[in-house]
């Protein structure tokens, strides 16, 4: 995991981009490497939020195979 850039706040949520490098091993034994980022999201402590919503969740991922 790389260094975190500054997060971004939306209406009632906080978003954080997390740079990542993923090393994967296929069932065949072949190695693959992916680089990109995950965007994490959490809901601020707003009225009506469920206990799970203020926890960080993966909102989206942008990964590319490194050749």
C-alpha atoms as a PDB file:
ATOM      1  CA  UNK A   1       0.000   0.000   0.000  1.00  0.00           C
ATOM      2  CA  UNK A   2       1.306   3.428  -0.842  1.00  0.00           C
ATOM      3  CA  UNK A   3       1.088   6.762   0.933  1.00  0.00           C
ATOM      4  CA  UNK A   4      -2.454   8.060   1.302  1.00  0.00           C
ATOM      5  CA  UNK A   5      -3.442  11.261  -0.485  1.00  0.00           C
ATOM      6  CA  UNK A   6      -5.786  13.638   1.307  1.00  0.00           C
ATOM      7  CA  UNK A   7      -9.349  12.313   1.556  1.00  0.00           C
ATOM      8  CA  UNK A   8     -12.456  13.936   0.114  1.00  0.00           C
ATOM      9  CA  UNK A   9     -15.714  14.665   1.938  1.00  0.00           C
ATOM     10  CA  UNK A  10     -19.089  14.449   0.255  1.00  0.00           C
ATOM     11  CA  UNK A  11     -22.600  15.115   1.511  1.00  0.00           C
ATOM     12  CA  UNK A  12     -22.633  12.895   4.609  1.00  0.00           C
ATOM     13  CA  UNK A  13     -19.736  10.658   3.500  1.00  0.00           C
ATOM     14  CA  UNK A  14     -15.944  10.627   3.498  1.00  0.00           C
ATOM     15  CA  UNK A  15     -13.989   9.109   0.597  1.00  0.00           C
ATOM     16  CA  UNK A  16     -10.344   8.025   0.711  1.00  0.00           C
ATOM     17  CA  UNK A  17      -8.248   6.868  -2.232  1.00  0.00           C
ATOM     18  CA  UNK A  18      -5.725   4.144  -1.336  1.00  0.00           C
ATOM     19  CA  UNK A  19      -2.944   3.340  -3.826  1.00  0.00           C
ATOM     20  CA  UNK A  20      -2.243  -0.417  -4.003  1.00  0.00           C
ATOM     21  CA  UNK A  21      -0.069  -3.006  -5.696  1.00  0.00           C
ATOM     22  CA  UNK A  22      -1.482  -6.531  -5.716  1.00  0.00           C
ATOM     23  CA  UNK A  23       0.638  -9.612  -6.381  1.00  0.00           C
ATOM     24  CA  UNK A  24      -1.532 -12.556  -7.387  1.00  0.00           C
ATOM     25  CA  UNK A  25      -0.747 -16.214  -8.044  1.00  0.00           C
ATOM     26  CA  UNK A  26      -3.062 -18.109 -10.361  1.00  0.00           C
ATOM     27  CA  UNK A  27      -3.951 -21.773  -9.850  1.00  0.00           C
ATOM     28  CA  UNK A  28      -1.485 -22.510 -12.663  1.00  0.00           C
ATOM     29  CA  UNK A  29       1.321 -20.966 -10.590  1.00  0.00           C
ATOM     30  CA  UNK A  30       1.598 -17.950 -12.901  1.00  0.00           C
ATOM     31  CA  UNK A  31       2.275 -14.655 -11.111  1.00  0.00           C
ATOM     32  CA  UNK A  32       0.454 -11.431 -11.976  1.00  0.00           C
ATOM     33  CA  UNK A  33       0.860  -7.908 -10.616  1.00  0.00           C
ATOM     34  CA  UNK A  34      -1.813  -5.234 -10.581  1.00  0.00           C
ATOM     35  CA  UNK A  35      -1.395  -1.550  -9.716  1.00  0.00           C
ATOM     36  CA  UNK A  36      -4.060   1.017  -9.074  1.00  0.00           C
ATOM     37  CA  UNK A  37      -6.210   2.232  -6.227  1.00  0.00           C
ATOM     38  CA  UNK A  38      -9.183   1.433  -4.067  1.00  0.00           C
ATOM     39  CA  UNK A  39     -11.641   4.164  -3.118  1.00  0.00           C
ATOM     40  CA  UNK A  40     -12.896   3.693   0.439  1.00  0.00           C
ATOM     41  CA  UNK A  41     -16.078   5.261   1.781  1.00  0.00           C
ATOM     42  CA  UNK A  42     -17.621   5.748   5.167  1.00  0.00           C
ATOM     43  CA  UNK A  43     -20.829   7.488   6.186  1.00  0.00           C
ATOM     44  CA  UNK A  44     -20.445  10.236   8.763  1.00  0.00           C
ATOM     45  CA  UNK A  45     -22.241   9.737  12.052  1.00  0.00           C
ATOM     46  CA  UNK A  46     -25.569  11.034  10.786  1.00  0.00           C
ATOM     47  CA  UNK A  47     -29.000  10.372  12.244  1.00  0.00           C
ATOM     48  CA  UNK A  48     -30.393   7.101  10.940  1.00  0.00           C
ATOM     49  CA  UNK A  49     -27.019   5.608   9.971  1.00  0.00           C
ATOM     50  CA  UNK A  50     -26.809   1.872  10.624  1.00  0.00           C
ATOM     51  CA  UNK A  51     -23.906   0.577  12.773  1.00  0.00           C
ATOM     52  CA  UNK A  52     -22.178  -0.728   9.611  1.00  0.00           C
ATOM     53  CA  UNK A  53     -22.350   2.528   7.628  1.00  0.00           C
ATOM     54  CA  UNK A  54     -19.723   4.501   9.623  1.00  0.00           C
ATOM     55  CA  UNK A  55     -17.199   1.699   8.965  1.00  0.00           C
ATOM     56  CA  UNK A  56     -14.850   1.954   5.983  1.00  0.00           C
ATOM     57  CA  UNK A  57     -15.992  -0.005   2.896  1.00  0.00           C
ATOM     58  CA  UNK A  58     -14.500  -0.465  -0.561  1.00  0.00           C
ATOM     59  CA  UNK A  59     -16.589   1.770  -2.803  1.00  0.00           C
ATOM     60  CA  UNK A  60     -14.699   1.072  -6.026  1.00  0.00           C
ATOM     61  CA  UNK A  61     -11.428  -0.243  -7.459  1.00  0.00           C
ATOM     62  CA  UNK A  62      -9.299   0.812 -10.421  1.00  0.00           C
ATOM     63  CA  UNK A  63      -6.670  -1.819 -11.145  1.00  0.00           C
ATOM     64  CA  UNK A  64      -4.508  -2.473 -14.197  1.00  0.00           C
ATOM     65  CA  UNK A  65      -2.370  -5.485 -15.011  1.00  0.00           C
ATOM     66  CA  UNK A  66       1.329  -4.618 -15.019  1.00  0.00           C
ATOM     67  CA  UNK A  67       3.069  -6.327 -17.936  1.00  0.00           C
END
